Amino acid sequence: STGAGSLILSHVNDAGFWLVKQYFNMTVAETFKTWTVMETILSVVGLIFIMLLSMAL
């Protein structure tokens, strides 16, 4: 759960943010719209999975 929570709302202080920006030749605004949204969705899905797994066990 800690790993899933750490992904939410990735920002400019995340090395992955700059890696994706440079690799895909995007602007900072484009990277916010793609990387940050994708990381937040991944975090929420991870949280839901962990909650379902917790209920099953």
PDB file of N, CA and C in Angstrom:
ATOM      1  N   SER A   1       0.820  -1.195   0.000  1.00  0.00           N
ATOM      2  CA  SER A   1       0.000   0.000   0.000  1.00  0.00           C
ATOM      3  C   SER A   1       0.864   1.260   0.000  1.00  0.00           C
ATOM      4  N   THR A   2       2.024   1.174   0.647  1.00  0.00           N
ATOM      5  CA  THR A   2       2.922   2.332   0.652  1.00  0.00           C
ATOM      6  C   THR A   2       3.423   2.629  -0.752  1.00  0.00           C
ATOM      7  N   GLY A   3       3.749   1.587  -1.492  1.00  0.00           N
ATOM      8  CA  GLY A   3       4.223   1.769  -2.867  1.00  0.00           C
ATOM      9  C   GLY A   3       3.163   2.387  -3.760  1.00  0.00           C
ATOM     10  N   ALA A   4       1.916   1.941  -3.612  1.00  0.00           N
ATOM     11  CA  ALA A   4       0.830   2.501  -4.419  1.00  0.00           C
ATOM     12  C   ALA A   4       0.588   3.961  -4.053  1.00  0.00           C
ATOM     13  N   GLY A   5       0.644   4.268  -2.780  1.00  0.00           N
ATOM     14  CA  GLY A   5       0.414   5.637  -2.332  1.00  0.00           C
ATOM     15  C   GLY A   5       1.511   6.592  -2.746  1.00  0.00           C
ATOM     16  N   SER A   6       2.706   6.067  -2.908  1.00  0.00           N
ATOM     17  CA  SER A   6       3.827   6.946  -3.267  1.00  0.00           C
ATOM     18  C   SER A   6       3.757   7.422  -4.713  1.00  0.00           C
ATOM     19  N   LEU A   7       2.924   6.783  -5.520  1.00  0.00           N
ATOM     20  CA  LEU A   7       2.835   7.150  -6.935  1.00  0.00           C
ATOM     21  C   LEU A   7       1.876   8.303  -7.205  1.00  0.00           C
ATOM     22  N   ILE A   8       0.979   8.561  -6.286  1.00  0.00           N
ATOM     23  CA  ILE A   8      -0.090   9.527  -6.560  1.00  0.00           C
ATOM     24  C   ILE A   8       0.467  10.944  -6.761  1.00  0.00           C
ATOM     25  N   LEU A   9      -0.056  11.632  -7.743  1.00  0.00           N
ATOM     26  CA  LEU A   9       0.271  13.025  -8.057  1.00  0.00           C
ATOM     27  C   LEU A   9       1.768  13.274  -8.231  1.00  0.00           C
ATOM     28  N   SER A  10       2.354  12.546  -9.151  1.00  0.00           N
ATOM     29  CA  SER A  10       3.768  12.743  -9.469  1.00  0.00           C
ATOM     30  C   SER A  10       3.989  14.178  -9.929  1.00  0.00           C
ATOM     31  N   HIS A  11       5.098  14.752  -9.531  1.00  0.00           N
ATOM     32  CA  HIS A  11       5.359  16.169  -9.788  1.00  0.00           C
ATOM     33  C   HIS A  11       6.774  16.331 -10.327  1.00  0.00           C
ATOM     34  N   VAL A  12       7.210  17.563 -10.502  1.00  0.00           N
ATOM     35  CA  VAL A  12       8.516  17.840 -11.103  1.00  0.00           C
ATOM     36  C   VAL A  12       9.686  17.384 -10.246  1.00  0.00           C
ATOM     37  N   ASN A  13       9.467  17.047  -8.998  1.00  0.00           N
ATOM     38  CA  ASN A  13      10.563  16.556  -8.170  1.00  0.00           C
ATOM     39  C   ASN A  13      10.785  15.053  -8.331  1.00  0.00           C
ATOM     40  N   ASP A  14      10.027  14.418  -9.209  1.00  0.00           N
ATOM     41  CA  ASP A  14      10.159  12.990  -9.487  1.00  0.00           C
ATOM     42  C   ASP A  14      11.090  12.796 -10.683  1.00  0.00           C
ATOM     43  N   ALA A  15      12.111  11.974 -10.524  1.00  0.00           N
ATOM     44  CA  ALA A  15      13.057  11.729 -11.618  1.00  0.00           C
ATOM     45  C   ALA A  15      12.359  11.104 -12.824  1.00  0.00           C
ATOM     46  N   GLY A  16      11.355  10.266 -12.569  1.00  0.00           N
ATOM     47  CA  GLY A  16      10.609   9.650 -13.664  1.00  0.00           C
ATOM     48  C   GLY A  16       9.888  10.672 -14.525  1.00  0.00           C
ATOM     49  N   PHE A  17       9.428  11.739 -13.909  1.00  0.00           N
ATOM     50  CA  PHE A  17       8.764  12.827 -14.625  1.00  0.00           C
ATOM     51  C   PHE A  17       9.690  13.383 -15.701  1.00  0.00           C
ATOM     52  N   TRP A  18      10.933  13.691 -15.319  1.00  0.00           N
ATOM     53  CA  TRP A  18      11.892  14.283 -16.253  1.00  0.00           C
ATOM     54  C   TRP A  18      12.379  13.258 -17.271  1.00  0.00           C
ATOM     55  N   LEU A  19      12.483  12.009 -16.868  1.00  0.00           N
ATOM     56  CA  LEU A  19      12.889  10.957 -17.795  1.00  0.00           C
ATOM     57  C   LEU A  19      11.867  10.818 -18.920  1.00  0.00           C
ATOM     58  N   VAL A  20      10.592  10.760 -18.560  1.00  0.00           N
ATOM     59  CA  VAL A  20       9.525  10.649 -19.560  1.00  0.00           C
ATOM     60  C   VAL A  20       9.484  11.895 -20.435  1.00  0.00           C
ATOM     61  N   LYS A  21       9.636  13.063 -19.828  1.00  0.00           N
ATOM     62  CA  LYS A  21       9.620  14.322 -20.580  1.00  0.00           C
ATOM     63  C   LYS A  21      10.705  14.339 -21.644  1.00  0.00           C
ATOM     64  N   GLN A  22      11.914  13.989 -21.258  1.00  0.00           N
ATOM     65  CA  GLN A  22      13.037  14.022 -22.198  1.00  0.00           C
ATOM     66  C   GLN A  22      12.934  12.907 -23.240  1.00  0.00           C
ATOM     67  N   TYR A  23      12.587  11.705 -22.802  1.00  0.00           N
ATOM     68  CA  TYR A  23      12.539  10.553 -23.703  1.00  0.00           C
ATOM     69  C   TYR A  23      11.495  10.733 -24.798  1.00  0.00           C
ATOM     70  N   PHE A  24      10.340  11.265 -24.446  1.00  0.00           N
ATOM     71  CA  PHE A  24       9.262  11.450 -25.416  1.00  0.00           C
ATOM     72  C   PHE A  24       9.206  12.863 -25.983  1.00  0.00           C
ATOM     73  N   ASN A  25      10.204  13.694 -25.639  1.00  0.00           N
ATOM     74  CA  ASN A  25      10.316  15.053 -26.176  1.00  0.00           C
ATOM     75  C   ASN A  25       9.025  15.853 -25.969  1.00  0.00           C
ATOM     76  N   MET A  26       8.541  15.863 -24.726  1.00  0.00           N
ATOM     77  CA  MET A  26       7.310  16.566 -24.390  1.00  0.00           C
ATOM     78  C   MET A  26       7.623  17.851 -23.633  1.00  0.00           C
ATOM     79  N   THR A  27       6.656  18.745 -23.616  1.00  0.00           N
ATOM     80  CA  THR A  27       6.780  19.944 -22.789  1.00  0.00           C
ATOM     81  C   THR A  27       6.415  19.570 -21.352  1.00  0.00           C
ATOM     82  N   VAL A  28       6.688  20.481 -20.434  1.00  0.00           N
ATOM     83  CA  VAL A  28       6.333  20.229 -19.034  1.00  0.00           C
ATOM     84  C   VAL A  28       4.814  20.072 -18.901  1.00  0.00           C
ATOM     85  N   ALA A  29       4.062  20.907 -19.598  1.00  0.00           N
ATOM     86  CA  ALA A  29       2.594  20.826 -19.537  1.00  0.00           C
ATOM     87  C   ALA A  29       2.087  19.485 -20.068  1.00  0.00           C
ATOM     88  N   GLU A  30       2.646  19.026 -21.180  1.00  0.00           N
ATOM     89  CA  GLU A  30       2.245  17.729 -21.739  1.00  0.00           C
ATOM     90  C   GLU A  30       2.590  16.591 -20.786  1.00  0.00           C
ATOM     91  N   THR A  31       3.731  16.700 -20.140  1.00  0.00           N
ATOM     92  CA  THR A  31       4.145  15.659 -19.204  1.00  0.00           C
ATOM     93  C   THR A  31       3.220  15.627 -17.999  1.00  0.00           C
ATOM     94  N   PHE A  32       2.794  16.800 -17.518  1.00  0.00           N
ATOM     95  CA  PHE A  32       1.820  16.835 -16.429  1.00  0.00           C
ATOM     96  C   PHE A  32       0.538  16.126 -16.840  1.00  0.00           C
ATOM     97  N   LYS A  33       0.079  16.383 -18.063  1.00  0.00           N
ATOM     98  CA  LYS A  33      -1.186  15.815 -18.531  1.00  0.00           C
ATOM     99  C   LYS A  33      -1.108  14.311 -18.740  1.00  0.00           C
ATOM    100  N   THR A  34       0.059  13.783 -19.030  1.00  0.00           N
ATOM    101  CA  THR A  34       0.178  12.350 -19.294  1.00  0.00           C
ATOM    102  C   THR A  34       0.762  11.591 -18.107  1.00  0.00           C
ATOM    103  N   TRP A  35       1.974  11.910 -17.721  1.00  0.00           N
ATOM    104  CA  TRP A  35       2.682  11.170 -16.672  1.00  0.00           C
ATOM    105  C   TRP A  35       1.971  11.278 -15.320  1.00  0.00           C
ATOM    106  N   THR A  36       1.601  12.481 -14.919  1.00  0.00           N
ATOM    107  CA  THR A  36       0.975  12.664 -13.610  1.00  0.00           C
ATOM    108  C   THR A  36      -0.380  11.971 -13.553  1.00  0.00           C
ATOM    109  N   VAL A  37      -1.165  12.082 -14.615  1.00  0.00           N
ATOM    110  CA  VAL A  37      -2.473  11.424 -14.648  1.00  0.00           C
ATOM    111  C   VAL A  37      -2.300   9.908 -14.639  1.00  0.00           C
ATOM    112  N   MET A  38      -1.355   9.386 -15.430  1.00  0.00           N
ATOM    113  CA  MET A  38      -1.118   7.947 -15.478  1.00  0.00           C
ATOM    114  C   MET A  38      -0.662   7.422 -14.118  1.00  0.00           C
ATOM    115  N   GLU A  39       0.229   8.125 -13.454  1.00  0.00           N
ATOM    116  CA  GLU A  39       0.725   7.707 -12.139  1.00  0.00           C
ATOM    117  C   GLU A  39      -0.398   7.736 -11.103  1.00  0.00           C
ATOM    118  N   THR A  40      -1.277   8.720 -11.181  1.00  0.00           N
ATOM    119  CA  THR A  40      -2.388   8.813 -10.238  1.00  0.00           C
ATOM    120  C   THR A  40      -3.377   7.675 -10.455  1.00  0.00           C
ATOM    121  N   ILE A  41      -3.679   7.369 -11.706  1.00  0.00           N
ATOM    122  CA  ILE A  41      -4.570   6.244 -12.015  1.00  0.00           C
ATOM    123  C   ILE A  41      -3.956   4.942 -11.515  1.00  0.00           C
ATOM    124  N   LEU A  42      -2.674   4.754 -11.745  1.00  0.00           N
ATOM    125  CA  LEU A  42      -1.972   3.560 -11.282  1.00  0.00           C
ATOM    126  C   LEU A  42      -2.036   3.450  -9.761  1.00  0.00           C
ATOM    127  N   SER A  43      -1.889   4.551  -9.072  1.00  0.00           N
ATOM    128  CA  SER A  43      -1.946   4.565  -7.613  1.00  0.00           C
ATOM    129  C   SER A  43      -3.335   4.175  -7.106  1.00  0.00           C
ATOM    130  N   VAL A  44      -4.373   4.722  -7.713  1.00  0.00           N
ATOM    131  CA  VAL A  44      -5.742   4.427  -7.288  1.00  0.00           C
ATOM    132  C   VAL A  44      -6.085   2.965  -7.567  1.00  0.00           C
ATOM    133  N   VAL A  45      -5.690   2.455  -8.723  1.00  0.00           N
ATOM    134  CA  VAL A  45      -5.929   1.045  -9.052  1.00  0.00           C
ATOM    135  C   VAL A  45      -5.195   0.145  -8.059  1.00  0.00           C
ATOM    136  N   GLY A  46      -3.970   0.513  -7.717  1.00  0.00           N
ATOM    137  CA  GLY A  46      -3.215  -0.251  -6.726  1.00  0.00           C
ATOM    138  C   GLY A  46      -3.910  -0.259  -5.376  1.00  0.00           C
ATOM    139  N   LEU A  47      -4.432   0.885  -4.962  1.00  0.00           N
ATOM    140  CA  LEU A  47      -5.153   0.982  -3.696  1.00  0.00           C
ATOM    141  C   LEU A  47      -6.392   0.089  -3.706  1.00  0.00           C
ATOM    142  N   ILE A  48      -7.148   0.128  -4.784  1.00  0.00           N
ATOM    143  CA  ILE A  48      -8.353  -0.705  -4.893  1.00  0.00           C
ATOM    144  C   ILE A  48      -7.980  -2.181  -4.837  1.00  0.00           C
ATOM    145  N   PHE A  49      -6.929  -2.570  -5.541  1.00  0.00           N
ATOM    146  CA  PHE A  49      -6.474  -3.958  -5.533  1.00  0.00           C
ATOM    147  C   PHE A  49      -6.074  -4.390  -4.120  1.00  0.00           C
ATOM    148  N   ILE A  50      -5.346  -3.549  -3.426  1.00  0.00           N
ATOM    149  CA  ILE A  50      -4.909  -3.866  -2.061  1.00  0.00           C
ATOM    150  C   ILE A  50      -6.104  -3.984  -1.123  1.00  0.00           C
ATOM    151  N   MET A  51      -7.095  -3.113  -1.284  1.00  0.00           N
ATOM    152  CA  MET A  51      -8.286  -3.184  -0.435  1.00  0.00           C
ATOM    153  C   MET A  51      -9.073  -4.464  -0.706  1.00  0.00           C
ATOM    154  N   LEU A  52      -9.205  -4.846  -1.979  1.00  0.00           N
ATOM    155  CA  LEU A  52      -9.899  -6.091  -2.319  1.00  0.00           C
ATOM    156  C   LEU A  52      -9.144  -7.301  -1.787  1.00  0.00           C
ATOM    157  N   LEU A  53      -7.843  -7.283  -1.916  1.00  0.00           N
ATOM    158  CA  LEU A  53      -7.017  -8.375  -1.407  1.00  0.00           C
ATOM    159  C   LEU A  53      -7.125  -8.461   0.115  1.00  0.00           C
ATOM    160  N   SER A  54      -7.172  -7.334   0.768  1.00  0.00           N
ATOM    161  CA  SER A  54      -7.305  -7.293   2.225  1.00  0.00           C
ATOM    162  C   SER A  54      -8.649  -7.877   2.672  1.00  0.00           C
ATOM    163  N   MET A  55      -9.709  -7.604   1.915  1.00  0.00           N
ATOM    164  CA  MET A  55     -11.027  -8.139   2.258  1.00  0.00           C
ATOM    165  C   MET A  55     -11.076  -9.648   2.053  1.00  0.00           C
ATOM    166  N   ALA A  56     -10.346 -10.148   1.049  1.00  0.00           N
ATOM    167  CA  ALA A  56     -10.361 -11.574   0.730  1.00  0.00           C
ATOM    168  C   ALA A  56      -9.550 -12.391   1.732  1.00  0.00           C
ATOM    169  N   LEU A  57      -8.563 -11.770   2.318  1.00  0.00           N
ATOM    170  CA  LEU A  57      -7.716 -12.516   3.256  1.00  0.00           C
ATOM    171  C   LEU A  57      -8.198 -12.277   4.609  1.00  0.00           C
TER     172      LEU A  57
END
